[in-house]
Amino acid sequence: MADPKDIVIEFIQSKSKQKSKFYFNDLAALFPEMKMRDAKKIINQLVSEGVLEYWSSGSTTMYGIPGTGKQAATEGED
């Protein structure tokens, strides 16, 4: 089996033309055999390593690659 972190990154990059931010459930669905808690650990590791970042609208939290998406320019990111 491929490294779970690589699976998440490849998924996000493959969808980057359509979307830049993903809900936790979108990413957890990549690992149907895994408990949600274990999937959360993988995603949180990617965030702590700086590979992914949290994005919050105030009512929901999403994940994306730093510096991507429509909000990047308005949030002072390059």
PDB file of N, CA and C in Angstrom:
ATOM      1  N   MET A   1       0.850  -1.193   0.000  1.00  0.00           N
ATOM      2  CA  MET A   1       0.000   0.000   0.000  1.00  0.00           C
ATOM      3  C   MET A   1       0.890   1.249   0.000  1.00  0.00           C
ATOM      4  N   ALA A   2       0.466   2.225  -0.739  1.00  0.00           N
ATOM      5  CA  ALA A   2       1.209   3.493  -0.821  1.00  0.00           C
ATOM      6  C   ALA A   2       1.123   4.233   0.512  1.00  0.00           C
ATOM      7  N   ASP A   3       2.059   5.137   0.702  1.00  0.00           N
ATOM      8  CA  ASP A   3       2.070   5.960   1.915  1.00  0.00           C
ATOM      9  C   ASP A   3       0.786   6.792   1.946  1.00  0.00           C
ATOM     10  N   PRO A   4       0.036   6.741   3.049  1.00  0.00           N
ATOM     11  CA  PRO A   4      -1.222   7.506   3.136  1.00  0.00           C
ATOM     12  C   PRO A   4      -1.034   9.004   2.873  1.00  0.00           C
ATOM     13  N   LYS A   5       0.097   9.562   3.312  1.00  0.00           N
ATOM     14  CA  LYS A   5       0.345  10.984   3.076  1.00  0.00           C
ATOM     15  C   LYS A   5       0.423  11.263   1.578  1.00  0.00           C
ATOM     16  N   ASP A   6       1.090  10.385   0.834  1.00  0.00           N
ATOM     17  CA  ASP A   6       1.200  10.551  -0.619  1.00  0.00           C
ATOM     18  C   ASP A   6      -0.162  10.465  -1.294  1.00  0.00           C
ATOM     19  N   ILE A   7      -1.009   9.578  -0.784  1.00  0.00           N
ATOM     20  CA  ILE A   7      -2.360   9.425  -1.344  1.00  0.00           C
ATOM     21  C   ILE A   7      -3.139  10.734  -1.198  1.00  0.00           C
ATOM     22  N   VAL A   8      -3.056  11.364  -0.034  1.00  0.00           N
ATOM     23  CA  VAL A   8      -3.762  12.627   0.206  1.00  0.00           C
ATOM     24  C   VAL A   8      -3.225  13.716  -0.720  1.00  0.00           C
ATOM     25  N   ILE A   9      -1.916  13.839  -0.799  1.00  0.00           N
ATOM     26  CA  ILE A   9      -1.303  14.884  -1.632  1.00  0.00           C
ATOM     27  C   ILE A   9      -1.646  14.687  -3.101  1.00  0.00           C
ATOM     28  N   GLU A  10      -1.546  13.441  -3.582  1.00  0.00           N
ATOM     29  CA  GLU A  10      -1.877  13.160  -4.986  1.00  0.00           C
ATOM     30  C   GLU A  10      -3.341  13.472  -5.279  1.00  0.00           C
ATOM     31  N   PHE A  11      -4.232  13.139  -4.348  1.00  0.00           N
ATOM     32  CA  PHE A  11      -5.653  13.430  -4.531  1.00  0.00           C
ATOM     33  C   PHE A  11      -5.888  14.938  -4.663  1.00  0.00           C
ATOM     34  N   ILE A  12      -5.315  15.702  -3.744  1.00  0.00           N
ATOM     35  CA  ILE A  12      -5.503  17.155  -3.771  1.00  0.00           C
ATOM     36  C   ILE A  12      -4.919  17.747  -5.055  1.00  0.00           C
ATOM     37  N   GLN A  13      -3.747  17.307  -5.438  1.00  0.00           N
ATOM     38  CA  GLN A  13      -3.127  17.835  -6.656  1.00  0.00           C
ATOM     39  C   GLN A  13      -3.926  17.456  -7.898  1.00  0.00           C
ATOM     40  N   SER A  14      -4.515  16.262  -7.916  1.00  0.00           N
ATOM     41  CA  SER A  14      -5.297  15.838  -9.080  1.00  0.00           C
ATOM     42  C   SER A  14      -6.587  16.641  -9.229  1.00  0.00           C
ATOM     43  N   LYS A  15      -7.088  17.188  -8.137  1.00  0.00           N
ATOM     44  CA  LYS A  15      -8.321  17.982  -8.149  1.00  0.00           C
ATOM     45  C   LYS A  15      -8.060  19.480  -8.164  1.00  0.00           C
ATOM     46  N   SER A  16      -6.789  19.886  -8.187  1.00  0.00           N
ATOM     47  CA  SER A  16      -6.442  21.297  -8.003  1.00  0.00           C
ATOM     48  C   SER A  16      -7.007  22.221  -9.082  1.00  0.00           C
ATOM     49  N   LYS A  17      -7.335  21.707 -10.245  1.00  0.00           N
ATOM     50  CA  LYS A  17      -7.939  22.549 -11.295  1.00  0.00           C
ATOM     51  C   LYS A  17      -9.381  22.914 -10.937  1.00  0.00           C
ATOM     52  N   GLN A  18     -10.076  22.013 -10.217  1.00  0.00           N
ATOM     53  CA  GLN A  18     -11.473  22.251  -9.868  1.00  0.00           C
ATOM     54  C   GLN A  18     -11.640  22.891  -8.496  1.00  0.00           C
ATOM     55  N   LYS A  19     -10.865  22.449  -7.520  1.00  0.00           N
ATOM     56  CA  LYS A  19     -10.999  22.956  -6.152  1.00  0.00           C
ATOM     57  C   LYS A  19      -9.652  23.028  -5.471  1.00  0.00           C
ATOM     58  N   SER A  20      -9.567  23.922  -4.504  1.00  0.00           N
ATOM     59  CA  SER A  20      -8.307  24.065  -3.771  1.00  0.00           C
ATOM     60  C   SER A  20      -8.452  23.702  -2.293  1.00  0.00           C
ATOM     61  N   LYS A  21      -9.676  23.613  -1.805  1.00  0.00           N
ATOM     62  CA  LYS A  21      -9.918  23.300  -0.396  1.00  0.00           C
ATOM     63  C   LYS A  21     -10.854  22.095  -0.303  1.00  0.00           C
ATOM     64  N   PHE A  22     -10.599  21.257   0.695  1.00  0.00           N
ATOM     65  CA  PHE A  22     -11.363  20.029   0.852  1.00  0.00           C
ATOM     66  C   PHE A  22     -11.808  19.848   2.286  1.00  0.00           C
ATOM     67  N   TYR A  23     -13.010  19.301   2.445  1.00  0.00           N
ATOM     68  CA  TYR A  23     -13.509  18.964   3.772  1.00  0.00           C
ATOM     69  C   TYR A  23     -12.763  17.739   4.292  1.00  0.00           C
ATOM     70  N   PHE A  24     -12.729  17.581   5.603  1.00  0.00           N
ATOM     71  CA  PHE A  24     -12.092  16.417   6.206  1.00  0.00           C
ATOM     72  C   PHE A  24     -12.704  15.135   5.643  1.00  0.00           C
ATOM     73  N   ASN A  25     -14.020  15.096   5.523  1.00  0.00           N
ATOM     74  CA  ASN A  25     -14.680  13.880   5.035  1.00  0.00           C
ATOM     75  C   ASN A  25     -14.260  13.521   3.608  1.00  0.00           C
ATOM     76  N   ASP A  26     -13.959  14.525   2.780  1.00  0.00           N
ATOM     77  CA  ASP A  26     -13.463  14.253   1.429  1.00  0.00           C
ATOM     78  C   ASP A  26     -12.139  13.498   1.494  1.00  0.00           C
ATOM     79  N   LEU A  27     -11.274  13.929   2.408  1.00  0.00           N
ATOM     80  CA  LEU A  27      -9.953  13.319   2.536  1.00  0.00           C
ATOM     81  C   LEU A  27     -10.029  11.979   3.261  1.00  0.00           C
ATOM     82  N   ALA A  28     -10.861  11.880   4.272  1.00  0.00           N
ATOM     83  CA  ALA A  28     -11.004  10.628   5.018  1.00  0.00           C
ATOM     84  C   ALA A  28     -11.580   9.527   4.134  1.00  0.00           C
ATOM     85  N   ALA A  29     -12.389   9.903   3.136  1.00  0.00           N
ATOM     86  CA  ALA A  29     -12.981   8.919   2.226  1.00  0.00           C
ATOM     87  C   ALA A  29     -11.923   8.200   1.388  1.00  0.00           C
ATOM     88  N   LEU A  30     -10.725   8.743   1.337  1.00  0.00           N
ATOM     89  CA  LEU A  30      -9.634   8.084   0.624  1.00  0.00           C
ATOM     90  C   LEU A  30      -9.187   6.812   1.340  1.00  0.00           C
ATOM     91  N   PHE A  31      -9.572   6.683   2.604  1.00  0.00           N
ATOM     92  CA  PHE A  31      -9.159   5.550   3.426  1.00  0.00           C
ATOM     93  C   PHE A  31     -10.370   4.851   4.031  1.00  0.00           C
ATOM     94  N   PRO A  32     -11.185   4.192   3.216  1.00  0.00           N
ATOM     95  CA  PRO A  32     -12.421   3.589   3.732  1.00  0.00           C
ATOM     96  C   PRO A  32     -12.181   2.495   4.782  1.00  0.00           C
ATOM     97  N   GLU A  33     -11.009   1.870   4.742  1.00  0.00           N
ATOM     98  CA  GLU A  33     -10.714   0.798   5.695  1.00  0.00           C
ATOM     99  C   GLU A  33     -10.194   1.332   7.029  1.00  0.00           C
ATOM    100  N   MET A  34      -9.948   2.622   7.096  1.00  0.00           N
ATOM    101  CA  MET A  34      -9.354   3.238   8.276  1.00  0.00           C
ATOM    102  C   MET A  34     -10.426   3.880   9.156  1.00  0.00           C
ATOM    103  N   LYS A  35     -10.186   3.882  10.446  1.00  0.00           N
ATOM    104  CA  LYS A  35     -11.081   4.605  11.356  1.00  0.00           C
ATOM    105  C   LYS A  35     -10.861   6.104  11.140  1.00  0.00           C
ATOM    106  N   MET A  36     -11.903   6.893  11.377  1.00  0.00           N
ATOM    107  CA  MET A  36     -11.819   8.344  11.183  1.00  0.00           C
ATOM    108  C   MET A  36     -10.687   8.947  12.015  1.00  0.00           C
ATOM    109  N   ARG A  37     -10.503   8.438  13.199  1.00  0.00           N
ATOM    110  CA  ARG A  37      -9.462   8.954  14.088  1.00  0.00           C
ATOM    111  C   ARG A  37      -8.071   8.785  13.464  1.00  0.00           C
ATOM    112  N   ASP A  38      -7.832   7.638  12.820  1.00  0.00           N
ATOM    113  CA  ASP A  38      -6.536   7.384  12.182  1.00  0.00           C
ATOM    114  C   ASP A  38      -6.346   8.273  10.953  1.00  0.00           C
ATOM    115  N   ALA A  39      -7.417   8.472  10.197  1.00  0.00           N
ATOM    116  CA  ALA A  39      -7.344   9.369   9.037  1.00  0.00           C
ATOM    117  C   ALA A  39      -7.050  10.797   9.500  1.00  0.00           C
ATOM    118  N   LYS A  40      -7.660  11.207  10.592  1.00  0.00           N
ATOM    119  CA  LYS A  40      -7.433  12.550  11.145  1.00  0.00           C
ATOM    120  C   LYS A  40      -5.964  12.731  11.541  1.00  0.00           C
ATOM    121  N   LYS A  41      -5.348  11.682  12.093  1.00  0.00           N
ATOM    122  CA  LYS A  41      -3.942  11.752  12.480  1.00  0.00           C
ATOM    123  C   LYS A  41      -3.051  11.999  11.257  1.00  0.00           C
ATOM    124  N   ILE A  42      -3.338  11.327  10.167  1.00  0.00           N
ATOM    125  CA  ILE A  42      -2.550  11.497   8.937  1.00  0.00           C
ATOM    126  C   ILE A  42      -2.687  12.921   8.418  1.00  0.00           C
ATOM    127  N   ILE A  43      -3.907  13.418   8.361  1.00  0.00           N
ATOM    128  CA  ILE A  43      -4.153  14.765   7.845  1.00  0.00           C
ATOM    129  C   ILE A  43      -3.521  15.810   8.765  1.00  0.00           C
ATOM    130  N   ASN A  44      -3.627  15.613  10.067  1.00  0.00           N
ATOM    131  CA  ASN A  44      -3.010  16.551  11.012  1.00  0.00           C
ATOM    132  C   ASN A  44      -1.485  16.533  10.913  1.00  0.00           C
ATOM    133  N   GLN A  45      -0.901  15.369  10.624  1.00  0.00           N
ATOM    134  CA  GLN A  45       0.547  15.294  10.423  1.00  0.00           C
ATOM    135  C   GLN A  45       0.955  16.143   9.225  1.00  0.00           C
ATOM    136  N   LEU A  46       0.177  16.058   8.144  1.00  0.00           N
ATOM    137  CA  LEU A  46       0.469  16.854   6.954  1.00  0.00           C
ATOM    138  C   LEU A  46       0.374  18.344   7.261  1.00  0.00           C
ATOM    139  N   VAL A  47      -0.571  18.730   8.099  1.00  0.00           N
ATOM    140  CA  VAL A  47      -0.704  20.136   8.500  1.00  0.00           C
ATOM    141  C   VAL A  47       0.508  20.551   9.343  1.00  0.00           C
ATOM    142  N   SER A  48       0.893  19.730  10.302  1.00  0.00           N
ATOM    143  CA  SER A  48       2.019  20.092  11.164  1.00  0.00           C
ATOM    144  C   SER A  48       3.333  20.131  10.392  1.00  0.00           C
ATOM    145  N   GLU A  49       3.442  19.368   9.305  1.00  0.00           N
ATOM    146  CA  GLU A  49       4.642  19.384   8.463  1.00  0.00           C
ATOM    147  C   GLU A  49       4.623  20.549   7.470  1.00  0.00           C
ATOM    148  N   GLY A  50       3.505  21.267   7.392  1.00  0.00           N
ATOM    149  CA  GLY A  50       3.400  22.403   6.480  1.00  0.00           C
ATOM    150  C   GLY A  50       3.030  22.022   5.056  1.00  0.00           C
ATOM    151  N   VAL A  51       2.698  20.760   4.833  1.00  0.00           N
ATOM    152  CA  VAL A  51       2.305  20.301   3.495  1.00  0.00           C
ATOM    153  C   VAL A  51       0.871  20.740   3.197  1.00  0.00           C
ATOM    154  N   LEU A  52       0.025  20.689   4.214  1.00  0.00           N
ATOM    155  CA  LEU A  52      -1.357  21.169   4.108  1.00  0.00           C
ATOM    156  C   LEU A  52      -1.552  22.290   5.118  1.00  0.00           C
ATOM    157  N   GLU A  53      -2.629  23.062   4.906  1.00  0.00           N
ATOM    158  CA  GLU A  53      -2.991  24.104   5.862  1.00  0.00           C
ATOM    159  C   GLU A  53      -4.479  24.043   6.124  1.00  0.00           C
ATOM    160  N   TYR A  54      -4.856  24.539   7.297  1.00  0.00           N
ATOM    161  CA  TYR A  54      -6.267  24.693   7.631  1.00  0.00           C
ATOM    162  C   TYR A  54      -6.769  25.965   6.969  1.00  0.00           C
ATOM    163  N   TRP A  55      -8.031  25.946   6.575  1.00  0.00           N
ATOM    164  CA  TRP A  55      -8.702  27.154   6.128  1.00  0.00           C
ATOM    165  C   TRP A  55     -10.076  27.126   6.763  1.00  0.00           C
ATOM    166  N   SER A  56     -10.454  28.222   7.373  1.00  0.00           N
ATOM    167  CA  SER A  56     -11.741  28.258   8.058  1.00  0.00           C
ATOM    168  C   SER A  56     -12.571  29.429   7.571  1.00  0.00           C
ATOM    169  N   SER A  57     -13.849  29.160   7.336  1.00  0.00           N
ATOM    170  CA  SER A  57     -14.779  30.221   6.964  1.00  0.00           C
ATOM    171  C   SER A  57     -15.449  30.791   8.203  1.00  0.00           C
ATOM    172  N   GLY A  58     -15.152  30.206   9.333  1.00  0.00           N
ATOM    173  CA  GLY A  58     -15.803  30.602  10.577  1.00  0.00           C
ATOM    174  C   GLY A  58     -16.793  29.543  11.012  1.00  0.00           C
ATOM    175  N   SER A  59     -17.426  28.895  10.048  1.00  0.00           N
ATOM    176  CA  SER A  59     -18.388  27.857  10.404  1.00  0.00           C
ATOM    177  C   SER A  59     -17.909  26.471   9.988  1.00  0.00           C
ATOM    178  N   THR A  60     -16.920  26.405   9.128  1.00  0.00           N
ATOM    179  CA  THR A  60     -16.402  25.117   8.680  1.00  0.00           C
ATOM    180  C   THR A  60     -14.895  25.194   8.481  1.00  0.00           C
ATOM    181  N   THR A  61     -14.241  24.076   8.633  1.00  0.00           N
ATOM    182  CA  THR A  61     -12.796  24.010   8.425  1.00  0.00           C
ATOM    183  C   THR A  61     -12.517  23.126   7.231  1.00  0.00           C
ATOM    184  N   MET A  62     -11.616  23.593   6.402  1.00  0.00           N
ATOM    185  CA  MET A  62     -11.225  22.828   5.221  1.00  0.00           C
ATOM    186  C   MET A  62      -9.700  22.727   5.196  1.00  0.00           C
ATOM    187  N   TYR A  63      -9.208  21.905   4.304  1.00  0.00           N
ATOM    188  CA  TYR A  63      -7.772  21.678   4.174  1.00  0.00           C
ATOM    189  C   TYR A  63      -7.354  21.931   2.741  1.00  0.00           C
ATOM    190  N   GLY A  64      -6.159  22.474   2.569  1.00  0.00           N
ATOM    191  CA  GLY A  64      -5.634  22.708   1.233  1.00  0.00           C
ATOM    192  C   GLY A  64      -4.132  22.864   1.261  1.00  0.00           C
ATOM    193  N   ILE A  65      -3.553  22.943   0.083  1.00  0.00           N
ATOM    194  CA  ILE A  65      -2.120  23.163  -0.034  1.00  0.00           C
ATOM    195  C   ILE A  65      -1.864  24.654   0.152  1.00  0.00           C
ATOM    196  N   PRO A  66      -0.896  25.021   0.986  1.00  0.00           N
ATOM    197  CA  PRO A  66      -0.633  26.445   1.264  1.00  0.00           C
ATOM    198  C   PRO A  66      -0.402  27.258  -0.012  1.00  0.00           C
ATOM    199  N   GLY A  67      -1.027  28.435  -0.065  1.00  0.00           N
ATOM    200  CA  GLY A  67      -0.820  29.350  -1.179  1.00  0.00           C
ATOM    201  C   GLY A  67      -1.655  29.070  -2.405  1.00  0.00           C
ATOM    202  N   THR A  68      -2.616  28.170  -2.313  1.00  0.00           N
ATOM    203  CA  THR A  68      -3.465  27.883  -3.466  1.00  0.00           C
ATOM    204  C   THR A  68      -4.882  28.364  -3.216  1.00  0.00           C
ATOM    205  N   GLY A  69      -5.621  28.562  -4.281  1.00  0.00           N
ATOM    206  CA  GLY A  69      -7.017  28.945  -4.164  1.00  0.00           C
ATOM    207  C   GLY A  69      -7.242  30.428  -4.306  1.00  0.00           C
ATOM    208  N   LYS A  70      -8.504  30.786  -4.435  1.00  0.00           N
ATOM    209  CA  LYS A  70      -8.898  32.180  -4.638  1.00  0.00           C
ATOM    210  C   LYS A  70      -8.543  33.063  -3.442  1.00  0.00           C
ATOM    211  N   GLN A  71      -8.584  32.503  -2.233  1.00  0.00           N
ATOM    212  CA  GLN A  71      -8.344  33.296  -1.039  1.00  0.00           C
ATOM    213  C   GLN A  71      -6.868  33.633  -0.848  1.00  0.00           C
ATOM    214  N   ALA A  72      -5.976  32.919  -1.497  1.00  0.00           N
ATOM    215  CA  ALA A  72      -4.541  33.103  -1.270  1.00  0.00           C
ATOM    216  C   ALA A  72      -4.112  34.557  -1.484  1.00  0.00           C
ATOM    217  N   ALA A  73      -4.590  35.192  -2.535  1.00  0.00           N
ATOM    218  CA  ALA A  73      -4.198  36.565  -2.837  1.00  0.00           C
ATOM    219  C   ALA A  73      -4.757  37.556  -1.815  1.00  0.00           C
ATOM    220  N   THR A  74      -5.967  37.319  -1.352  1.00  0.00           N
ATOM    221  CA  THR A  74      -6.585  38.235  -0.401  1.00  0.00           C
ATOM    222  C   THR A  74      -6.076  38.043   1.020  1.00  0.00           C
ATOM    223  N   GLU A  75      -5.438  36.916   1.297  1.00  0.00           N
ATOM    224  CA  GLU A  75      -4.932  36.663   2.627  1.00  0.00           C
ATOM    225  C   GLU A  75      -3.440  36.999   2.744  1.00  0.00           C
ATOM    226  N   GLY A  76      -2.903  37.646   1.723  1.00  0.00           N
ATOM    227  CA  GLY A  76      -1.507  38.064   1.782  1.00  0.00           C
ATOM    228  C   GLY A  76      -0.518  36.958   1.458  1.00  0.00           C
ATOM    229  N   GLU A  77      -1.006  35.858   0.902  1.00  0.00           N
ATOM    230  CA  GLU A  77      -0.117  34.770   0.522  1.00  0.00           C
ATOM    231  C   GLU A  77       0.292  34.961  -0.933  1.00  0.00           C
ATOM    232  N   ASP A  78       1.425  34.409  -1.290  1.00  0.00           N
ATOM    233  CA  ASP A  78       1.873  34.498  -2.678  1.00  0.00           C
ATOM    234  C   ASP A  78       1.639  33.211  -3.414  1.00  0.00           C
TER     235      ASP A  78
END
